[in-house]
C-alpha cells in the first residue's frame, strides 16, 4: 500500500509540526493501514519548543535525526534512540536544545489487554 506525502496528516501541536506516517496520534489517523496499534511520525520542533507524548500508547520512543533534544534531564544528540520505559507516565516532555530546529522520529504502540 502506498500513500502520497500529501495524503498523510500534518499535525500542529504547540510549536511542533508532525507528519503522521503510520497509525493514530493526537486524534488523527494515517491512511496507511496497520495490523496493530503502532504509530510512526516525523516531528520538527523550533528551538525551545516542547512536545508531550500522551500515554495512549504504552510503548513510546524517539529517534533524534537532527539537532539535540533534552529528555528527562539528558541531552540526546543525532543518532540517539530514546525508549520511554514507564508506561504509566502521563506525559513525556521532549525539549529542543540550542539548535534552530530539531527533527526526530517518534514511534510507539498500544498494548493489548490480556
N, C-alpha and C. Protein backbone atom coordinates (compact mmCIF):
# COMPACT_ATOMS: atom_id res chain seq x y z
N UNK A 1 0.85 -1.18 0.00
CA UNK A 1 0.00 0.00 0.00
C UNK A 1 0.89 1.24 0.00
N UNK A 2 0.57 2.20 -0.84
CA UNK A 2 1.33 3.45 -0.92
C UNK A 2 0.39 4.64 -0.71
N UNK A 3 0.85 5.58 0.09
CA UNK A 3 0.13 6.84 0.28
C UNK A 3 1.08 7.97 -0.03
N UNK A 4 0.61 8.94 -0.78
CA UNK A 4 1.42 10.11 -1.10
C UNK A 4 1.62 10.95 0.15
N UNK A 5 2.74 11.66 0.24
CA UNK A 5 3.03 12.51 1.40
C UNK A 5 1.90 13.51 1.64
N UNK A 6 1.30 14.00 0.57
CA UNK A 6 0.21 14.98 0.71
C UNK A 6 -1.02 14.38 1.38
N UNK A 7 -1.15 13.04 1.37
CA UNK A 7 -2.30 12.37 1.99
C UNK A 7 -2.08 12.07 3.46
N UNK A 8 -0.85 12.22 3.94
CA UNK A 8 -0.54 11.95 5.35
C UNK A 8 -0.89 13.17 6.20
N UNK A 9 -1.55 12.96 7.34
CA UNK A 9 -1.93 14.10 8.19
C UNK A 9 -0.73 14.90 8.68
N UNK A 10 -0.84 16.22 8.64
CA UNK A 10 0.15 17.13 9.21
C UNK A 10 -0.50 17.75 10.44
N UNK A 11 0.09 17.49 11.60
CA UNK A 11 -0.46 17.96 12.87
C UNK A 11 0.37 19.12 13.39
N UNK A 12 -0.29 20.01 14.10
CA UNK A 12 0.39 21.11 14.77
C UNK A 12 0.08 20.98 16.25
N UNK A 13 1.09 20.65 17.05
CA UNK A 13 0.96 20.55 18.50
C UNK A 13 1.86 21.60 19.12
N UNK A 14 1.29 22.70 19.57
CA UNK A 14 2.07 23.82 20.10
C UNK A 14 3.10 24.26 19.07
N UNK A 15 4.40 24.08 19.35
CA UNK A 15 5.46 24.51 18.42
C UNK A 15 6.03 23.35 17.60
N UNK A 16 5.30 22.25 17.53
CA UNK A 16 5.77 21.08 16.79
C UNK A 16 4.92 20.86 15.54
N UNK A 17 5.59 20.53 14.45
CA UNK A 17 4.90 20.13 13.22
C UNK A 17 5.16 18.64 13.05
N UNK A 18 4.10 17.87 12.98
CA UNK A 18 4.23 16.41 13.00
C UNK A 18 3.54 15.82 11.77
N UNK A 19 4.28 15.08 10.98
CA UNK A 19 3.72 14.34 9.84
C UNK A 19 3.46 12.92 10.33
N UNK A 20 2.19 12.54 10.41
CA UNK A 20 1.81 11.21 10.87
C UNK A 20 1.91 10.24 9.70
N UNK A 21 2.87 9.34 9.77
CA UNK A 21 3.15 8.41 8.68
C UNK A 21 2.32 7.14 8.81
N UNK A 22 2.15 6.67 10.03
CA UNK A 22 1.51 5.38 10.26
C UNK A 22 0.73 5.42 11.56
N UNK A 23 -0.46 4.86 11.59
CA UNK A 23 -1.22 4.72 12.83
C UNK A 23 -2.00 5.95 13.21
N UNK A 24 -2.24 6.10 14.52
CA UNK A 24 -3.02 7.24 15.01
C UNK A 24 -2.25 7.94 16.13
N UNK A 25 -2.46 9.27 16.19
CA UNK A 25 -1.77 10.10 17.18
C UNK A 25 -2.52 11.40 17.31
N UNK A 26 -2.72 11.87 18.54
CA UNK A 26 -3.40 13.14 18.81
C UNK A 26 -4.75 13.25 18.10
N UNK A 27 -5.46 12.14 18.00
CA UNK A 27 -6.79 12.15 17.40
C UNK A 27 -6.81 12.05 15.88
N UNK A 28 -5.66 12.05 15.23
CA UNK A 28 -5.58 11.92 13.77
C UNK A 28 -5.20 10.49 13.41
N UNK A 29 -5.54 10.09 12.18
CA UNK A 29 -5.20 8.74 11.71
C UNK A 29 -4.60 8.82 10.32
N UNK A 30 -3.51 8.09 10.13
CA UNK A 30 -2.87 7.98 8.83
C UNK A 30 -3.70 7.07 7.93
N UNK A 31 -3.70 7.32 6.61
CA UNK A 31 -4.42 6.42 5.70
C UNK A 31 -3.68 5.10 5.46
N UNK A 32 -2.45 4.98 5.95
CA UNK A 32 -1.67 3.75 5.77
C UNK A 32 -2.23 2.68 6.73
N UNK A 33 -2.67 1.53 6.21
CA UNK A 33 -3.25 0.50 7.08
C UNK A 33 -2.19 -0.15 7.98
N UNK A 34 -2.60 -0.51 9.19
CA UNK A 34 -1.73 -1.24 10.12
C UNK A 34 -2.50 -2.42 10.70
N UNK A 35 -1.78 -3.39 11.19
CA UNK A 35 -2.40 -4.56 11.81
C UNK A 35 -2.35 -4.49 13.33
N UNK A 36 -1.76 -3.40 13.86
CA UNK A 36 -1.65 -3.24 15.31
C UNK A 36 -1.83 -1.77 15.65
N UNK A 37 -1.70 -1.44 16.92
CA UNK A 37 -1.85 -0.07 17.38
C UNK A 37 -0.56 0.74 17.29
N UNK A 38 0.26 0.46 16.29
CA UNK A 38 1.54 1.14 16.11
C UNK A 38 1.34 2.54 15.54
N UNK A 39 2.21 3.49 15.94
CA UNK A 39 2.26 4.78 15.26
C UNK A 39 3.70 5.12 14.93
N UNK A 40 3.87 5.95 13.90
CA UNK A 40 5.18 6.39 13.46
C UNK A 40 5.00 7.78 12.88
N UNK A 41 5.80 8.74 13.32
CA UNK A 41 5.63 10.12 12.88
C UNK A 41 6.97 10.85 12.82
N UNK A 42 7.02 11.86 11.98
CA UNK A 42 8.19 12.71 11.80
C UNK A 42 7.86 14.06 12.43
N UNK A 43 8.59 14.46 13.48
CA UNK A 43 8.31 15.69 14.21
C UNK A 43 9.44 16.70 14.02
N UNK A 44 9.08 17.94 13.74
CA UNK A 44 10.04 19.04 13.63
C UNK A 44 9.64 20.10 14.64
N UNK A 45 10.61 20.49 15.49
CA UNK A 45 10.36 21.49 16.52
C UNK A 45 11.35 22.63 16.37
N UNK A 46 10.90 23.84 16.68
CA UNK A 46 11.77 25.01 16.72
C UNK A 46 12.52 25.02 18.04
N UNK A 47 13.63 25.75 18.10
CA UNK A 47 14.43 25.84 19.32
C UNK A 47 13.56 26.29 20.49
N UNK A 48 13.71 25.61 21.61
CA UNK A 48 12.98 25.95 22.82
C UNK A 48 11.59 25.34 22.89
N UNK A 49 11.13 24.68 21.85
CA UNK A 49 9.79 24.10 21.86
C UNK A 49 9.79 22.79 22.65
N UNK A 50 8.61 22.33 22.98
CA UNK A 50 8.47 21.05 23.67
C UNK A 50 7.30 20.28 23.07
N UNK A 51 7.36 18.99 23.19
CA UNK A 51 6.30 18.12 22.71
C UNK A 51 5.99 17.11 23.79
N UNK A 52 4.74 16.91 24.08
CA UNK A 52 4.33 15.94 25.08
C UNK A 52 3.73 14.73 24.38
N UNK A 53 4.27 13.56 24.65
CA UNK A 53 3.70 12.32 24.13
C UNK A 53 2.71 11.79 25.15
N UNK A 54 1.47 11.70 24.75
CA UNK A 54 0.42 11.26 25.66
C UNK A 54 0.51 9.75 25.88
N UNK A 55 -0.06 9.26 26.99
CA UNK A 55 0.07 7.84 27.33
C UNK A 55 -0.88 6.91 26.58
N UNK A 56 -1.50 7.38 25.50
CA UNK A 56 -2.40 6.50 24.75
C UNK A 56 -1.65 5.30 24.17
N UNK A 57 -0.35 5.45 23.97
CA UNK A 57 0.50 4.35 23.51
C UNK A 57 1.42 3.98 24.66
N UNK A 58 1.33 2.75 25.12
CA UNK A 58 2.12 2.35 26.29
C UNK A 58 3.60 2.21 25.97
N UNK A 59 3.94 1.90 24.75
CA UNK A 59 5.34 1.83 24.34
C UNK A 59 5.62 3.02 23.46
N UNK A 60 6.64 3.82 23.83
CA UNK A 60 6.96 5.03 23.08
C UNK A 60 8.46 5.19 22.97
N UNK A 61 8.89 5.79 21.89
CA UNK A 61 10.30 6.07 21.70
C UNK A 61 10.48 7.23 20.76
N UNK A 62 11.71 7.72 20.67
CA UNK A 62 12.04 8.83 19.77
C UNK A 62 13.46 8.63 19.27
N UNK A 63 13.66 8.86 17.98
CA UNK A 63 14.99 8.79 17.38
C UNK A 63 15.38 10.19 16.93
N UNK A 64 16.50 10.69 17.42
CA UNK A 64 16.95 12.04 17.08
C UNK A 64 17.61 12.02 15.71
N UNK A 65 17.00 12.70 14.75
CA UNK A 65 17.51 12.72 13.37
C UNK A 65 18.27 14.01 13.06
N UNK A 66 17.97 15.08 13.79
CA UNK A 66 18.62 16.37 13.53
C UNK A 66 18.54 17.22 14.79
N UNK A 67 19.62 17.87 15.18
CA UNK A 67 19.63 18.73 16.35
C UNK A 67 19.93 17.97 17.63
N UNK A 68 19.57 18.57 18.76
CA UNK A 68 19.77 17.98 20.08
C UNK A 68 18.47 18.18 20.85
N UNK A 69 18.02 17.14 21.52
CA UNK A 69 16.85 17.28 22.37
C UNK A 69 17.25 16.94 23.80
N UNK A 70 16.44 17.41 24.74
CA UNK A 70 16.66 17.11 26.15
C UNK A 70 15.44 16.34 26.62
N UNK A 71 15.70 15.22 27.23
CA UNK A 71 14.61 14.41 27.76
C UNK A 71 15.02 13.87 29.11
N UNK A 72 14.20 14.12 30.11
CA UNK A 72 14.45 13.58 31.45
C UNK A 72 15.81 14.01 31.99
N UNK A 73 16.23 15.24 31.67
CA UNK A 73 17.49 15.76 32.19
C UNK A 73 18.73 15.35 31.41
N UNK A 74 18.56 14.64 30.29
CA UNK A 74 19.70 14.18 29.49
C UNK A 74 19.65 14.81 28.10
N UNK A 75 20.81 15.30 27.63
CA UNK A 75 20.92 15.80 26.26
C UNK A 75 21.09 14.61 25.33
N UNK A 76 20.34 14.59 24.26
CA UNK A 76 20.38 13.47 23.31
C UNK A 76 20.68 14.03 21.93
N UNK A 77 21.78 13.56 21.34
CA UNK A 77 22.25 14.06 20.06
C UNK A 77 21.78 13.18 18.91
N UNK A 78 22.11 13.62 17.69
CA UNK A 78 21.76 12.88 16.48
C UNK A 78 22.21 11.42 16.60
N UNK A 79 21.34 10.51 16.21
CA UNK A 79 21.64 9.09 16.26
C UNK A 79 21.21 8.41 17.54
N UNK A 80 20.67 9.17 18.49
CA UNK A 80 20.23 8.60 19.76
C UNK A 80 18.81 8.07 19.64
N UNK A 81 18.59 6.87 20.15
CA UNK A 81 17.25 6.29 20.22
C UNK A 81 16.83 6.29 21.67
N UNK A 82 15.76 7.02 21.99
CA UNK A 82 15.23 7.06 23.34
C UNK A 82 14.09 6.06 23.45
N UNK A 83 14.05 5.32 24.54
CA UNK A 83 12.95 4.41 24.82
C UNK A 83 12.38 4.83 26.16
N UNK A 84 11.11 5.20 26.15
CA UNK A 84 10.45 5.65 27.37
C UNK A 84 9.86 4.42 28.04
N UNK A 85 10.43 4.01 29.17
CA UNK A 85 10.13 2.72 29.77
C UNK A 85 8.91 2.71 30.67
N UNK A 86 8.49 3.82 31.22
CA UNK A 86 7.39 3.83 32.17
C UNK A 86 6.06 4.03 31.44
N UNK A 87 5.28 2.96 31.25
CA UNK A 87 4.04 3.10 30.51
C UNK A 87 2.98 3.89 31.26
N UNK A 88 3.17 4.11 32.55
CA UNK A 88 2.18 4.86 33.31
C UNK A 88 2.44 6.36 33.32
N UNK A 89 3.57 6.79 32.80
CA UNK A 89 3.88 8.21 32.76
C UNK A 89 2.82 8.93 31.96
N UNK A 90 2.19 9.93 32.56
CA UNK A 90 1.08 10.59 31.87
C UNK A 90 1.57 11.51 30.76
N UNK A 91 2.76 12.07 30.92
CA UNK A 91 3.29 12.94 29.88
C UNK A 91 4.80 12.80 29.80
N UNK A 92 5.31 12.82 28.61
CA UNK A 92 6.74 12.79 28.38
C UNK A 92 7.09 14.07 27.65
N UNK A 93 7.98 14.86 28.21
CA UNK A 93 8.35 16.12 27.59
C UNK A 93 9.69 15.96 26.88
N UNK A 94 9.74 16.40 25.67
CA UNK A 94 10.98 16.36 24.88
C UNK A 94 11.26 17.79 24.46
N UNK A 95 12.42 18.29 24.82
CA UNK A 95 12.78 19.69 24.55
C UNK A 95 13.86 19.76 23.49
N UNK A 96 13.85 20.83 22.72
CA UNK A 96 14.95 21.06 21.80
C UNK A 96 16.08 21.71 22.57
N UNK A 97 17.27 21.63 22.03
CA UNK A 97 18.43 22.25 22.65
C UNK A 97 18.65 23.64 22.08
N UNK A 98 19.88 23.96 21.74
CA UNK A 98 20.24 25.30 21.27
C UNK A 98 20.22 25.41 19.76
N UNK A 99 19.76 24.38 19.07
CA UNK A 99 19.70 24.39 17.62
C UNK A 99 18.54 25.26 17.16
N UNK A 100 18.57 25.70 15.91
CA UNK A 100 17.46 26.47 15.38
C UNK A 100 16.22 25.62 15.22
N UNK A 101 16.41 24.35 14.95
CA UNK A 101 15.29 23.42 14.90
C UNK A 101 15.80 22.03 15.23
N UNK A 102 14.88 21.15 15.49
CA UNK A 102 15.21 19.77 15.81
C UNK A 102 14.22 18.88 15.09
N UNK A 103 14.69 17.75 14.60
CA UNK A 103 13.80 16.79 13.94
C UNK A 103 14.04 15.43 14.57
N UNK A 104 12.95 14.77 14.90
CA UNK A 104 13.08 13.41 15.40
C UNK A 104 11.86 12.60 15.00
N UNK A 105 12.06 11.30 14.98
CA UNK A 105 11.01 10.37 14.63
C UNK A 105 10.46 9.79 15.92
N UNK A 106 9.14 9.83 16.07
CA UNK A 106 8.52 9.28 17.26
C UNK A 106 7.71 8.04 16.86
N UNK A 107 7.70 7.08 17.75
CA UNK A 107 7.01 5.84 17.43
C UNK A 107 6.51 5.20 18.70
N UNK A 108 5.62 4.26 18.55
CA UNK A 108 5.10 3.54 19.71
C UNK A 108 3.98 2.61 19.28
N UNK A 109 3.40 1.96 20.29
CA UNK A 109 2.25 1.11 20.02
C UNK A 109 1.43 0.93 21.27
N UNK A 110 0.16 0.62 21.04
CA UNK A 110 -0.74 0.30 22.12
C UNK A 110 -0.57 -1.18 22.46
N UNK A 111 -0.64 -1.48 23.74
CA UNK A 111 -0.56 -2.87 24.17
C UNK A 111 -1.98 -3.39 24.34
N UNK A 112 -2.19 -4.65 23.96
CA UNK A 112 -3.50 -5.25 24.15
C UNK A 112 -3.64 -5.71 25.59
N UNK A 113 -4.83 -5.59 26.13
CA UNK A 113 -5.10 -6.11 27.47
C UNK A 113 -5.24 -7.62 27.41
N UNK A 114 -4.72 -8.28 28.43
CA UNK A 114 -4.80 -9.74 28.47
C UNK A 114 -5.88 -10.15 29.43
